[in-house]
Amino acid sequence: MAQSQVSRLYSANVTHWDRMAQDIDQTPWGIAGMNIWKKLLPHVLQAAPFNKETSEVMDFGCGNGFNSSLLVPHSKSILGVDISSGMVDEYNRNMERWGLAEEGKFSAVRADLHEDGSSFAGKRFDIIFSCMVYHHLPSIHVTTKTLATYLKPGGYLLVMDWKKPEGEQPNYSDPINNIVKLPGLDESDMKNAFESAQLEFVGYNGEAATMDEMVGDYHLKNTAFVSWGKNDSPASTRM
């Protein structure tokens, strides 16, 4: 993907999510996103060993904090990361409003991990999860390699997204069309991405959540997957 196209996709996503941040939980797509996550959550908890006492978690592409909020009972801490300042502000407001801030253990920062890695000062995580973000990315391989560097030895990366559709491709209207790179991903896509990042490809559930409903004027009929990999490399190779 040409650099100019990468920049346009990046800028379009920042602009879109900044604009949507404050009221996203009241929009058709925001409500659909919450419904998807609630269906995916049981599979996520089965895929990785979440532990309330020990699990330090990153929510990559964290949005307004709804996804993180349902994992608070299963995590020692969660750091939300997003390229949208609006979403990060909403995440932190929501954690306060929902009584989940708990002395900064559950908070978010605005960052592009491809550029701002030094700001985390060597921070590593037991679990990194990312829900409905990968189909927006310029390169799933580049991002997976970057996320792998933030995993502790034995840490898990979990990716939830749309399964690649068979036959007719989805026809999103603007502005959704402007912020989407891929219509979906399949098991081989995820296996290649994990293995190119030197992660063990552990599992793929291609039928984790099925959606068949109207989202505004769009008929959302698709299936979401859960895919997960594990960092089996020594700590020295991930620094």
C-alpha atoms as a PDB file:
ATOM      1  CA  MET A   1       0.000   0.000   0.000  1.00  0.00           C
ATOM      2  CA  ALA A   2       1.483   3.339  -1.067  1.00  0.00           C
ATOM      3  CA  GLN A   3       2.477   5.739   1.693  1.00  0.00           C
ATOM      4  CA  SER A   4      -0.017   8.352   0.479  1.00  0.00           C
ATOM      5  CA  GLN A   5      -2.814   5.770   0.760  1.00  0.00           C
ATOM      6  CA  VAL A   6      -1.636   4.795   4.251  1.00  0.00           C
ATOM      7  CA  SER A   7      -1.687   8.455   5.306  1.00  0.00           C
ATOM      8  CA  ARG A   8      -5.166   8.985   3.875  1.00  0.00           C
ATOM      9  CA  LEU A   9      -6.528   5.893   5.615  1.00  0.00           C
ATOM     10  CA  TYR A  10      -4.893   6.914   8.899  1.00  0.00           C
ATOM     11  CA  SER A  11      -6.205  10.490   8.682  1.00  0.00           C
ATOM     12  CA  ALA A  12      -9.693   9.335   7.710  1.00  0.00           C
ATOM     13  CA  ASN A  13      -9.849   7.035  10.740  1.00  0.00           C
ATOM     14  CA  VAL A  14      -8.600   9.706  13.143  1.00  0.00           C
ATOM     15  CA  THR A  15     -11.119  12.230  11.823  1.00  0.00           C
ATOM     16  CA  HIS A  16     -14.003   9.746  11.842  1.00  0.00           C
ATOM     17  CA  TRP A  17     -13.438   8.408  15.357  1.00  0.00           C
ATOM     18  CA  ASP A  18     -12.762  11.842  16.833  1.00  0.00           C
ATOM     19  CA  ARG A  19     -16.095  12.985  15.404  1.00  0.00           C
ATOM     20  CA  MET A  20     -17.956   9.894  16.611  1.00  0.00           C
ATOM     21  CA  ALA A  21     -16.397   9.630  20.067  1.00  0.00           C
ATOM     22  CA  GLN A  22     -18.763  11.498  22.341  1.00  0.00           C
ATOM     23  CA  ASP A  23     -22.035   9.913  21.225  1.00  0.00           C
ATOM     24  CA  ILE A  24     -20.861   6.629  19.745  1.00  0.00           C
ATOM     25  CA  ASP A  25     -22.770   4.505  22.261  1.00  0.00           C
ATOM     26  CA  GLN A  26     -25.993   6.075  20.965  1.00  0.00           C
ATOM     27  CA  THR A  27     -25.326   5.555  17.237  1.00  0.00           C
ATOM     28  CA  PRO A  28     -26.462   2.479  15.247  1.00  0.00           C
ATOM     29  CA  TRP A  29     -22.867   1.381  14.555  1.00  0.00           C
ATOM     30  CA  GLY A  30     -21.839   2.006  18.164  1.00  0.00           C
ATOM     31  CA  ILE A  31     -24.730  -0.072  19.490  1.00  0.00           C
ATOM     32  CA  ALA A  32     -23.908  -2.833  16.990  1.00  0.00           C
ATOM     33  CA  GLY A  33     -20.297  -2.779  18.170  1.00  0.00           C
ATOM     34  CA  MET A  34     -21.365  -3.253  21.783  1.00  0.00           C
ATOM     35  CA  ASN A  35     -23.623  -6.143  20.780  1.00  0.00           C
ATOM     36  CA  ILE A  36     -20.786  -7.804  18.859  1.00  0.00           C
ATOM     37  CA  TRP A  37     -18.432  -7.488  21.823  1.00  0.00           C
ATOM     38  CA  LYS A  38     -20.929  -9.003  24.257  1.00  0.00           C
ATOM     39  CA  LYS A  39     -21.221 -12.024  21.956  1.00  0.00           C
ATOM     40  CA  LEU A  40     -17.442 -12.303  21.576  1.00  0.00           C
ATOM     41  CA  LEU A  41     -16.564 -11.886  25.256  1.00  0.00           C
ATOM     42  CA  PRO A  42     -17.113 -15.517  26.394  1.00  0.00           C
ATOM     43  CA  HIS A  43     -14.812 -16.735  23.601  1.00  0.00           C
ATOM     44  CA  VAL A  44     -12.184 -14.132  24.509  1.00  0.00           C
ATOM     45  CA  LEU A  45     -12.166 -15.275  28.129  1.00  0.00           C
ATOM     46  CA  GLN A  46     -11.707 -18.874  26.990  1.00  0.00           C
ATOM     47  CA  ALA A  47      -8.855 -18.040  24.619  1.00  0.00           C
ATOM     48  CA  ALA A  48      -6.460 -16.402  27.095  1.00  0.00           C
ATOM     49  CA  PRO A  49      -5.783 -16.921  30.813  1.00  0.00           C
ATOM     50  CA  PHE A  50      -7.215 -13.673  32.204  1.00  0.00           C
ATOM     51  CA  ASN A  51      -6.503 -13.306  35.928  1.00  0.00           C
ATOM     52  CA  LYS A  52      -7.839 -10.515  38.151  1.00  0.00           C
ATOM     53  CA  GLU A  53      -4.723 -10.610  40.321  1.00  0.00           C
ATOM     54  CA  THR A  54      -2.005 -10.713  37.669  1.00  0.00           C
ATOM     55  CA  SER A  55      -3.161  -9.899  34.110  1.00  0.00           C
ATOM     56  CA  GLU A  56      -1.781  -6.633  32.727  1.00  0.00           C
ATOM     57  CA  VAL A  57      -3.777  -5.993  29.564  1.00  0.00           C
ATOM     58  CA  MET A  58      -3.650  -3.673  26.552  1.00  0.00           C
ATOM     59  CA  ASP A  59      -6.821  -2.806  24.639  1.00  0.00           C
ATOM     60  CA  PHE A  60      -5.517  -1.830  21.188  1.00  0.00           C
ATOM     61  CA  GLY A  61      -7.976   0.410  19.356  1.00  0.00           C
ATOM     62  CA  CYS A  62      -9.810   0.860  22.632  1.00  0.00           C
ATOM     63  CA  GLY A  63     -12.565   3.212  21.539  1.00  0.00           C
ATOM     64  CA  ASN A  64     -14.743   4.621  24.315  1.00  0.00           C
ATOM     65  CA  GLY A  65     -13.879   1.961  26.887  1.00  0.00           C
ATOM     66  CA  PHE A  66     -16.935  -0.283  26.655  1.00  0.00           C
ATOM     67  CA  ASN A  67     -14.889  -3.334  25.642  1.00  0.00           C
ATOM     68  CA  SER A  68     -12.369  -2.756  28.418  1.00  0.00           C
ATOM     69  CA  SER A  69     -15.133  -2.268  30.979  1.00  0.00           C
ATOM     70  CA  LEU A  70     -16.376  -5.833  30.548  1.00  0.00           C
ATOM     71  CA  LEU A  71     -12.851  -7.156  31.114  1.00  0.00           C
ATOM     72  CA  VAL A  72     -12.188  -5.132  34.282  1.00  0.00           C
ATOM     73  CA  PRO A  73     -13.445  -7.980  36.530  1.00  0.00           C
ATOM     74  CA  HIS A  74     -10.897 -10.297  34.867  1.00  0.00           C
ATOM     75  CA  SER A  75      -7.819  -8.024  34.762  1.00  0.00           C
ATOM     76  CA  LYS A  76      -5.348  -6.471  37.171  1.00  0.00           C
ATOM     77  CA  SER A  77      -4.983  -3.451  34.876  1.00  0.00           C
ATOM     78  CA  ILE A  78      -5.963  -2.365  31.369  1.00  0.00           C
ATOM     79  CA  LEU A  79      -4.264   0.271  29.250  1.00  0.00           C
ATOM     80  CA  GLY A  80      -6.398   1.489  26.374  1.00  0.00           C
ATOM     81  CA  VAL A  81      -4.509   2.690  23.281  1.00  0.00           C
ATOM     82  CA  ASP A  82      -6.112   4.547  20.388  1.00  0.00           C
ATOM     83  CA  ILE A  83      -5.108   6.962  17.613  1.00  0.00           C
ATOM     84  CA  SER A  84      -8.213   9.053  18.304  1.00  0.00           C
ATOM     85  CA  SER A  85      -7.821  11.675  21.012  1.00  0.00           C
ATOM     86  CA  GLY A  86     -11.600  11.952  21.167  1.00  0.00           C
ATOM     87  CA  MET A  87     -11.975   8.247  21.915  1.00  0.00           C
ATOM     88  CA  VAL A  88      -9.219   8.328  24.540  1.00  0.00           C
ATOM     89  CA  ASP A  89     -10.896  11.269  26.301  1.00  0.00           C
ATOM     90  CA  GLU A  90     -14.225   9.442  26.224  1.00  0.00           C
ATOM     91  CA  TYR A  91     -12.612   6.230  27.516  1.00  0.00           C
ATOM     92  CA  ASN A  92     -11.156   8.020  30.530  1.00  0.00           C
ATOM     93  CA  ARG A  93     -14.398   9.913  31.227  1.00  0.00           C
ATOM     94  CA  ASN A  94     -16.355   6.684  31.030  1.00  0.00           C
ATOM     95  CA  MET A  95     -14.043   4.842  33.394  1.00  0.00           C
ATOM     96  CA  GLU A  96     -14.560   7.638  35.926  1.00  0.00           C
ATOM     97  CA  ARG A  97     -18.318   7.727  35.321  1.00  0.00           C
ATOM     98  CA  TRP A  98     -18.647   3.953  35.603  1.00  0.00           C
ATOM     99  CA  GLY A  99     -16.560   3.862  38.787  1.00  0.00           C
ATOM    100  CA  LEU A 100     -13.810   1.793  37.161  1.00  0.00           C
ATOM    101  CA  ALA A 101     -10.863   4.193  37.135  1.00  0.00           C
ATOM    102  CA  GLU A 102      -9.390   2.634  40.308  1.00  0.00           C
ATOM    103  CA  GLU A 103      -6.310   4.840  40.711  1.00  0.00           C
ATOM    104  CA  GLY A 104      -5.294   4.738  37.077  1.00  0.00           C
ATOM    105  CA  LYS A 105      -5.357   0.962  36.692  1.00  0.00           C
ATOM    106  CA  PHE A 106      -7.915   1.298  33.904  1.00  0.00           C
ATOM    107  CA  SER A 107      -7.125   4.238  31.653  1.00  0.00           C
ATOM    108  CA  ALA A 108      -6.301   5.113  28.053  1.00  0.00           C
ATOM    109  CA  VAL A 109      -3.652   7.060  26.137  1.00  0.00           C
ATOM    110  CA  ARG A 110      -3.537   8.457  22.622  1.00  0.00           C
ATOM    111  CA  ALA A 111      -0.665   6.793  20.738  1.00  0.00           C
ATOM    112  CA  ASP A 112       0.420   5.414  17.402  1.00  0.00           C
ATOM    113  CA  LEU A 113       2.434   2.396  18.512  1.00  0.00           C
ATOM    114  CA  HIS A 114       4.368   2.382  15.245  1.00  0.00           C
ATOM    115  CA  GLU A 115       5.816   5.788  16.157  1.00  0.00           C
ATOM    116  CA  ASP A 116       5.306   6.365  19.870  1.00  0.00           C
ATOM    117  CA  GLY A 117       6.669   3.150  21.337  1.00  0.00           C
ATOM    118  CA  SER A 118       9.269   4.911  23.476  1.00  0.00           C
ATOM    119  CA  SER A 119       6.496   6.599  25.476  1.00  0.00           C
ATOM    120  CA  PHE A 120       5.684   3.232  27.076  1.00  0.00           C
ATOM    121  CA  ALA A 121       9.175   2.940  28.557  1.00  0.00           C
ATOM    122  CA  GLY A 122       9.527  -0.835  28.163  1.00  0.00           C
ATOM    123  CA  LYS A 123       5.993  -1.661  29.284  1.00  0.00           C
ATOM    124  CA  ARG A 124       4.962  -5.242  28.466  1.00  0.00           C
ATOM    125  CA  PHE A 125       1.603  -6.961  28.750  1.00  0.00           C
ATOM    126  CA  ASP A 126       0.282 -10.423  29.591  1.00  0.00           C
ATOM    127  CA  ILE A 127      -2.592 -10.007  27.126  1.00  0.00           C
ATOM    128  CA  ILE A 128      -3.209  -7.637  24.231  1.00  0.00           C
ATOM    129  CA  PHE A 129      -6.636  -7.691  22.628  1.00  0.00           C
ATOM    130  CA  SER A 130      -8.027  -5.838  19.637  1.00  0.00           C
ATOM    131  CA  CYS A 131     -11.675  -5.905  18.599  1.00  0.00           C
ATOM    132  CA  MET A 132     -12.907  -4.810  15.162  1.00  0.00           C
ATOM    133  CA  VAL A 133      -9.720  -2.860  14.440  1.00  0.00           C
ATOM    134  CA  TYR A 134      -7.774  -5.038  12.011  1.00  0.00           C
ATOM    135  CA  HIS A 135     -10.038  -4.373   9.011  1.00  0.00           C
ATOM    136  CA  HIS A 136      -9.123  -0.673   9.326  1.00  0.00           C
ATOM    137  CA  LEU A 137      -5.348  -1.223   9.299  1.00  0.00           C
ATOM    138  CA  PRO A 138      -3.033  -0.440   6.358  1.00  0.00           C
ATOM    139  CA  SER A 139      -1.065  -3.632   7.147  1.00  0.00           C
ATOM    140  CA  ILE A 140      -2.099  -6.342   9.590  1.00  0.00           C
ATOM    141  CA  HIS A 141       1.426  -7.784   9.388  1.00  0.00           C
ATOM    142  CA  VAL A 142       3.149  -4.546  10.424  1.00  0.00           C
ATOM    143  CA  THR A 143       0.730  -3.990  13.296  1.00  0.00           C
ATOM    144  CA  THR A 144       0.926  -7.590  14.524  1.00  0.00           C
ATOM    145  CA  LYS A 145       4.721  -7.413  14.585  1.00  0.00           C
ATOM    146  CA  THR A 146       4.525  -4.164  16.551  1.00  0.00           C
ATOM    147  CA  LEU A 147       2.022  -5.539  19.052  1.00  0.00           C
ATOM    148  CA  ALA A 148       4.158  -8.650  19.545  1.00  0.00           C
ATOM    149  CA  THR A 149       6.978  -6.466  20.886  1.00  0.00           C
ATOM    150  CA  TYR A 150       4.690  -5.409  23.749  1.00  0.00           C
ATOM    151  CA  LEU A 151       3.967  -8.960  24.900  1.00  0.00           C
ATOM    152  CA  LYS A 152       5.646 -10.536  27.880  1.00  0.00           C
ATOM    153  CA  PRO A 153       7.123 -13.999  27.337  1.00  0.00           C
ATOM    154  CA  GLY A 154       4.121 -16.308  27.394  1.00  0.00           C
ATOM    155  CA  GLY A 155       1.794 -13.399  26.633  1.00  0.00           C
ATOM    156  CA  TYR A 156      -1.239 -13.653  24.351  1.00  0.00           C
ATOM    157  CA  LEU A 157      -2.430 -11.535  21.433  1.00  0.00           C
ATOM    158  CA  LEU A 158      -6.168 -11.820  20.710  1.00  0.00           C
ATOM    159  CA  VAL A 159      -7.728 -10.407  17.552  1.00  0.00           C
ATOM    160  CA  MET A 160     -11.463 -10.203  16.942  1.00  0.00           C
ATOM    161  CA  ASP A 161     -12.761  -9.054  13.567  1.00  0.00           C
ATOM    162  CA  TRP A 162     -15.053  -9.846  10.663  1.00  0.00           C
ATOM    163  CA  LYS A 163     -14.629 -13.129   8.885  1.00  0.00           C
ATOM    164  CA  LYS A 164     -13.772 -12.671   5.215  1.00  0.00           C
ATOM    165  CA  PRO A 165     -17.078 -12.851   3.328  1.00  0.00           C
ATOM    166  CA  GLU A 166     -17.712 -15.379   0.614  1.00  0.00           C
ATOM    167  CA  GLY A 167     -19.166 -14.158  -2.659  1.00  0.00           C
ATOM    168  CA  GLU A 168     -20.517 -10.608  -2.745  1.00  0.00           C
ATOM    169  CA  GLN A 169     -18.412  -8.079  -0.861  1.00  0.00           C
ATOM    170  CA  PRO A 170     -20.038  -5.634   1.588  1.00  0.00           C
ATOM    171  CA  ASN A 171     -21.009  -2.306   0.075  1.00  0.00           C
ATOM    172  CA  TYR A 172     -20.500   0.252   2.824  1.00  0.00           C
ATOM    173  CA  SER A 173     -21.576   3.843   2.276  1.00  0.00           C
ATOM    174  CA  ASP A 174     -19.401   6.826   3.139  1.00  0.00           C
ATOM    175  CA  PRO A 175     -17.961   7.596   5.624  1.00  0.00           C
ATOM    176  CA  ILE A 176     -17.586   3.909   6.622  1.00  0.00           C
ATOM    177  CA  ASN A 177     -16.200   3.042   3.199  1.00  0.00           C
ATOM    178  CA  ASN A 178     -13.422   5.619   3.678  1.00  0.00           C
ATOM    179  CA  ILE A 179     -12.082   4.056   6.882  1.00  0.00           C
ATOM    180  CA  VAL A 180     -12.149   0.362   5.937  1.00  0.00           C
ATOM    181  CA  LYS A 181      -9.144  -1.361   4.341  1.00  0.00           C
ATOM    182  CA  LEU A 182     -10.430  -4.968   4.218  1.00  0.00           C
ATOM    183  CA  PRO A 183     -13.915  -6.529   4.203  1.00  0.00           C
ATOM    184  CA  GLY A 184     -12.684  -9.242   6.557  1.00  0.00           C
ATOM    185  CA  LEU A 185      -9.978 -11.792   7.303  1.00  0.00           C
ATOM    186  CA  ASP A 186      -9.782 -15.568   7.290  1.00  0.00           C
ATOM    187  CA  GLU A 187      -7.839 -18.142   9.272  1.00  0.00           C
ATOM    188  CA  SER A 188      -4.888 -18.161   6.870  1.00  0.00           C
ATOM    189  CA  ASP A 189      -4.630 -14.358   7.065  1.00  0.00           C
ATOM    190  CA  MET A 190      -4.400 -14.489  10.835  1.00  0.00           C
ATOM    191  CA  LYS A 191      -2.035 -17.468  10.894  1.00  0.00           C
ATOM    192  CA  ASN A 192       0.336 -15.680   8.506  1.00  0.00           C
ATOM    193  CA  ALA A 193       0.164 -12.458  10.521  1.00  0.00           C
ATOM    194  CA  PHE A 194       0.900 -14.190  13.820  1.00  0.00           C
ATOM    195  CA  GLU A 195       3.688 -16.339  12.446  1.00  0.00           C
ATOM    196  CA  SER A 196       5.323 -13.409  10.625  1.00  0.00           C
ATOM    197  CA  ALA A 197       5.453 -11.732  14.047  1.00  0.00           C
ATOM    198  CA  GLN A 198       7.133 -14.866  15.478  1.00  0.00           C
ATOM    199  CA  LEU A 199       4.092 -15.713  17.562  1.00  0.00           C
ATOM    200  CA  GLU A 200       2.748 -19.218  17.961  1.00  0.00           C
ATOM    201  CA  PHE A 201      -0.598 -19.486  16.177  1.00  0.00           C
ATOM    202  CA  VAL A 202      -2.750 -21.032  18.894  1.00  0.00           C
ATOM    203  CA  GLY A 203      -6.334 -20.903  17.722  1.00  0.00           C
ATOM    204  CA  TYR A 204      -9.057 -19.527  15.476  1.00  0.00           C
ATOM    205  CA  ASN A 205     -12.805 -19.602  16.078  1.00  0.00           C
ATOM    206  CA  GLY A 206     -14.439 -18.559  12.831  1.00  0.00           C
ATOM    207  CA  GLU A 207     -18.008 -18.684  14.165  1.00  0.00           C
ATOM    208  CA  ALA A 208     -17.683 -16.727  17.386  1.00  0.00           C
ATOM    209  CA  ALA A 209     -20.459 -14.193  16.749  1.00  0.00           C
ATOM    210  CA  THR A 210     -23.083 -13.925  14.030  1.00  0.00           C
ATOM    211  CA  MET A 211     -24.804 -10.632  13.253  1.00  0.00           C
ATOM    212  CA  ASP A 212     -27.927 -10.267  11.126  1.00  0.00           C
ATOM    213  CA  GLU A 213     -29.588  -6.914  11.776  1.00  0.00           C
ATOM    214  CA  MET A 214     -30.186  -3.467  10.349  1.00  0.00           C
ATOM    215  CA  VAL A 215     -27.612  -0.875  11.382  1.00  0.00           C
ATOM    216  CA  GLY A 216     -29.186   2.370  10.308  1.00  0.00           C
ATOM    217  CA  ASP A 217     -29.912   1.781   6.615  1.00  0.00           C
ATOM    218  CA  TYR A 218     -27.235  -0.936   6.279  1.00  0.00           C
ATOM    219  CA  HIS A 219     -28.038  -4.643   6.584  1.00  0.00           C
ATOM    220  CA  LEU A 220     -25.226  -6.046   8.712  1.00  0.00           C
ATOM    221  CA  LYS A 221     -25.051  -9.747   7.956  1.00  0.00           C
ATOM    222  CA  ASN A 222     -21.664 -11.110   8.880  1.00  0.00           C
ATOM    223  CA  THR A 223     -19.744 -13.389  11.210  1.00  0.00           C
ATOM    224  CA  ALA A 224     -16.988 -12.352  13.598  1.00  0.00           C
ATOM    225  CA  PHE A 225     -14.004 -14.497  14.550  1.00  0.00           C
ATOM    226  CA  VAL A 226     -11.649 -14.745  17.493  1.00  0.00           C
ATOM    227  CA  SER A 227      -8.017 -15.569  16.729  1.00  0.00           C
ATOM    228  CA  TRP A 228      -5.179 -15.840  19.204  1.00  0.00           C
ATOM    229  CA  GLY A 229      -1.428 -16.282  19.304  1.00  0.00           C
ATOM    230  CA  LYS A 230       1.210 -16.639  21.996  1.00  0.00           C
ATOM    231  CA  ASN A 231       4.678 -15.221  22.503  1.00  0.00           C
ATOM    232  CA  ASP A 232       6.938 -18.188  23.121  1.00  0.00           C
ATOM    233  CA  SER A 233      10.141 -16.249  22.426  1.00  0.00           C
ATOM    234  CA  PRO A 234      12.669 -15.451  25.184  1.00  0.00           C
ATOM    235  CA  ALA A 235      12.364 -11.979  26.698  1.00  0.00           C
ATOM    236  CA  SER A 236      15.631 -10.816  25.134  1.00  0.00           C
ATOM    237  CA  THR A 237      14.284 -11.204  21.598  1.00  0.00           C
ATOM    238  CA  ARG A 238      11.297  -8.939  22.290  1.00  0.00           C
ATOM    239  CA  MET A 239      13.078  -5.853  23.550  1.00  0.00           C
END
